[in-house]
């Protein structure tokens, strides 16, 4: 048993300190910047469909409102022409 322990402890002789390559920290920082840039582009591209829907809703509302006012003018003209014919809706008096 003692020989086994000595063999394991002696296997560590000559082992030096491990250091990472010089440019690794710069590479890691560059990858982080790239990921942040991609995330920012993703966030910006996600807002485009939302903006398109808002613009479409605004255009639809403008279209509906403009047609509503045209319809109101048409009904006023029609009701004005029938006002001489129908004076009272009670037809049994």
C-alpha atoms as a PDB file:
ATOM      1  CA  UNK A   1       0.000   0.000   0.000  1.00  0.00           C
ATOM      2  CA  UNK A   2       2.864   2.330   0.841  1.00  0.00           C
ATOM      3  CA  UNK A   3       4.493   1.760  -2.528  1.00  0.00           C
ATOM      4  CA  UNK A   4       1.277   2.662  -4.310  1.00  0.00           C
ATOM      5  CA  UNK A   5       1.057   6.007  -2.467  1.00  0.00           C
ATOM      6  CA  UNK A   6       4.696   6.809  -3.216  1.00  0.00           C
ATOM      7  CA  UNK A   7       4.213   5.953  -6.879  1.00  0.00           C
ATOM      8  CA  UNK A   8       1.254   8.351  -7.151  1.00  0.00           C
ATOM      9  CA  UNK A   9       3.012  11.169  -5.288  1.00  0.00           C
ATOM     10  CA  UNK A  10       6.188  10.735  -7.356  1.00  0.00           C
ATOM     11  CA  UNK A  11       4.177  10.886 -10.585  1.00  0.00           C
ATOM     12  CA  UNK A  12       3.657  14.583  -9.949  1.00  0.00           C
ATOM     13  CA  UNK A  13       7.386  15.382 -10.069  1.00  0.00           C
ATOM     14  CA  UNK A  14       8.356  17.625 -12.903  1.00  0.00           C
ATOM     15  CA  UNK A  15       4.844  18.977 -13.399  1.00  0.00           C
ATOM     16  CA  UNK A  16       5.000  22.713 -13.975  1.00  0.00           C
ATOM     17  CA  UNK A  17       2.468  25.489 -13.646  1.00  0.00           C
ATOM     18  CA  UNK A  18      -0.112  25.511 -16.390  1.00  0.00           C
ATOM     19  CA  UNK A  19      -0.717  28.805 -18.157  1.00  0.00           C
ATOM     20  CA  UNK A  20      -3.195  29.539 -20.921  1.00  0.00           C
ATOM     21  CA  UNK A  21      -1.958  30.813 -24.260  1.00  0.00           C
ATOM     22  CA  UNK A  22      -1.369  34.568 -24.382  1.00  0.00           C
ATOM     23  CA  UNK A  23      -4.205  35.544 -26.752  1.00  0.00           C
ATOM     24  CA  UNK A  24      -7.010  33.514 -25.159  1.00  0.00           C
ATOM     25  CA  UNK A  25      -8.382  36.332 -23.015  1.00  0.00           C
ATOM     26  CA  UNK A  26      -8.610  38.617 -26.052  1.00  0.00           C
ATOM     27  CA  UNK A  27     -10.327  35.869 -28.060  1.00  0.00           C
ATOM     28  CA  UNK A  28     -12.871  35.322 -25.277  1.00  0.00           C
ATOM     29  CA  UNK A  29     -13.591  39.047 -25.022  1.00  0.00           C
ATOM     30  CA  UNK A  30     -14.026  39.257 -28.807  1.00  0.00           C
ATOM     31  CA  UNK A  31     -16.496  36.365 -28.800  1.00  0.00           C
ATOM     32  CA  UNK A  32     -18.488  38.055 -26.034  1.00  0.00           C
ATOM     33  CA  UNK A  33     -18.636  41.282 -28.094  1.00  0.00           C
ATOM     34  CA  UNK A  34     -19.788  39.332 -31.158  1.00  0.00           C
ATOM     35  CA  UNK A  35     -22.564  37.632 -29.199  1.00  0.00           C
ATOM     36  CA  UNK A  36     -23.729  40.930 -27.731  1.00  0.00           C
ATOM     37  CA  UNK A  37     -23.783  42.446 -31.221  1.00  0.00           C
ATOM     38  CA  UNK A  38     -25.845  39.541 -32.553  1.00  0.00           C
ATOM     39  CA  UNK A  39     -28.265  39.808 -29.613  1.00  0.00           C
ATOM     40  CA  UNK A  40     -28.660  43.533 -30.242  1.00  0.00           C
ATOM     41  CA  UNK A  41     -29.405  42.910 -33.917  1.00  0.00           C
ATOM     42  CA  UNK A  42     -31.924  40.238 -32.928  1.00  0.00           C
ATOM     43  CA  UNK A  43     -33.679  42.631 -30.560  1.00  0.00           C
ATOM     44  CA  UNK A  44     -33.828  45.330 -33.223  1.00  0.00           C
ATOM     45  CA  UNK A  45     -35.163  42.917 -35.822  1.00  0.00           C
ATOM     46  CA  UNK A  46     -37.892  41.775 -33.412  1.00  0.00           C
ATOM     47  CA  UNK A  47     -39.305  45.299 -33.266  1.00  0.00           C
ATOM     48  CA  UNK A  48     -39.784  45.524 -37.038  1.00  0.00           C
ATOM     49  CA  UNK A  49     -42.893  43.278 -37.182  1.00  0.00           C
ATOM     50  CA  UNK A  50     -44.393  45.145 -34.230  1.00  0.00           C
ATOM     51  CA  UNK A  51     -43.855  48.477 -35.975  1.00  0.00           C
ATOM     52  CA  UNK A  52     -45.354  47.086 -39.196  1.00  0.00           C
ATOM     53  CA  UNK A  53     -48.490  45.931 -37.367  1.00  0.00           C
ATOM     54  CA  UNK A  54     -48.882  49.320 -35.689  1.00  0.00           C
ATOM     55  CA  UNK A  55     -48.582  51.101 -39.039  1.00  0.00           C
ATOM     56  CA  UNK A  56     -51.137  48.740 -40.592  1.00  0.00           C
ATOM     57  CA  UNK A  57     -53.578  49.360 -37.736  1.00  0.00           C
ATOM     58  CA  UNK A  58     -53.184  53.115 -38.084  1.00  0.00           C
ATOM     59  CA  UNK A  59     -53.803  52.933 -41.838  1.00  0.00           C
ATOM     60  CA  UNK A  60     -56.857  50.728 -41.312  1.00  0.00           C
ATOM     61  CA  UNK A  61     -58.253  53.139 -38.731  1.00  0.00           C
ATOM     62  CA  UNK A  62     -57.737  56.125 -41.039  1.00  0.00           C
ATOM     63  CA  UNK A  63     -59.475  54.233 -43.846  1.00  0.00           C
ATOM     64  CA  UNK A  64     -62.446  53.266 -41.637  1.00  0.00           C
ATOM     65  CA  UNK A  65     -62.847  56.769 -40.211  1.00  0.00           C
ATOM     66  CA  UNK A  66     -62.700  58.411 -43.641  1.00  0.00           C
ATOM     67  CA  UNK A  67     -65.295  55.984 -45.000  1.00  0.00           C
ATOM     68  CA  UNK A  68     -67.491  56.560 -41.942  1.00  0.00           C
ATOM     69  CA  UNK A  69     -67.622  60.290 -42.586  1.00  0.00           C
ATOM     70  CA  UNK A  70     -68.429  59.693 -46.257  1.00  0.00           C
ATOM     71  CA  UNK A  71     -71.221  57.334 -45.190  1.00  0.00           C
ATOM     72  CA  UNK A  72     -72.586  59.957 -42.783  1.00  0.00           C
ATOM     73  CA  UNK A  73     -72.741  62.518 -45.596  1.00  0.00           C
ATOM     74  CA  UNK A  74     -74.552  60.016 -47.831  1.00  0.00           C
ATOM     75  CA  UNK A  75     -77.145  59.198 -45.169  1.00  0.00           C
ATOM     76  CA  UNK A  76     -77.784  62.886 -44.547  1.00  0.00           C
ATOM     77  CA  UNK A  77     -78.475  63.403 -48.251  1.00  0.00           C
ATOM     78  CA  UNK A  78     -80.818  60.399 -48.393  1.00  0.00           C
ATOM     79  CA  UNK A  79     -82.689  61.356 -45.231  1.00  0.00           C
ATOM     80  CA  UNK A  80     -83.040  64.914 -46.517  1.00  0.00           C
ATOM     81  CA  UNK A  81     -84.690  63.734 -49.739  1.00  0.00           C
ATOM     82  CA  UNK A  82     -87.154  61.477 -47.889  1.00  0.00           C
ATOM     83  CA  UNK A  83     -88.092  64.032 -45.252  1.00  0.00           C
ATOM     84  CA  UNK A  84     -90.835  65.455 -47.472  1.00  0.00           C
ATOM     85  CA  UNK A  85     -92.372  62.017 -48.016  1.00  0.00           C
ATOM     86  CA  UNK A  86     -92.274  60.779 -44.444  1.00  0.00           C
ATOM     87  CA  UNK A  87     -93.252  63.368 -41.903  1.00  0.00           C
ATOM     88  CA  UNK A  88     -94.317  61.010 -39.136  1.00  0.00           C
ATOM     89  CA  UNK A  89     -93.560  57.328 -38.701  1.00  0.00           C
ATOM     90  CA  UNK A  90     -96.917  56.630 -37.118  1.00  0.00           C
ATOM     91  CA  UNK A  91     -98.855  55.497 -40.207  1.00  0.00           C
ATOM     92  CA  UNK A  92    -102.114  54.529 -38.402  1.00  0.00           C
ATOM     93  CA  UNK A  93    -103.221  57.963 -37.265  1.00  0.00           C
END
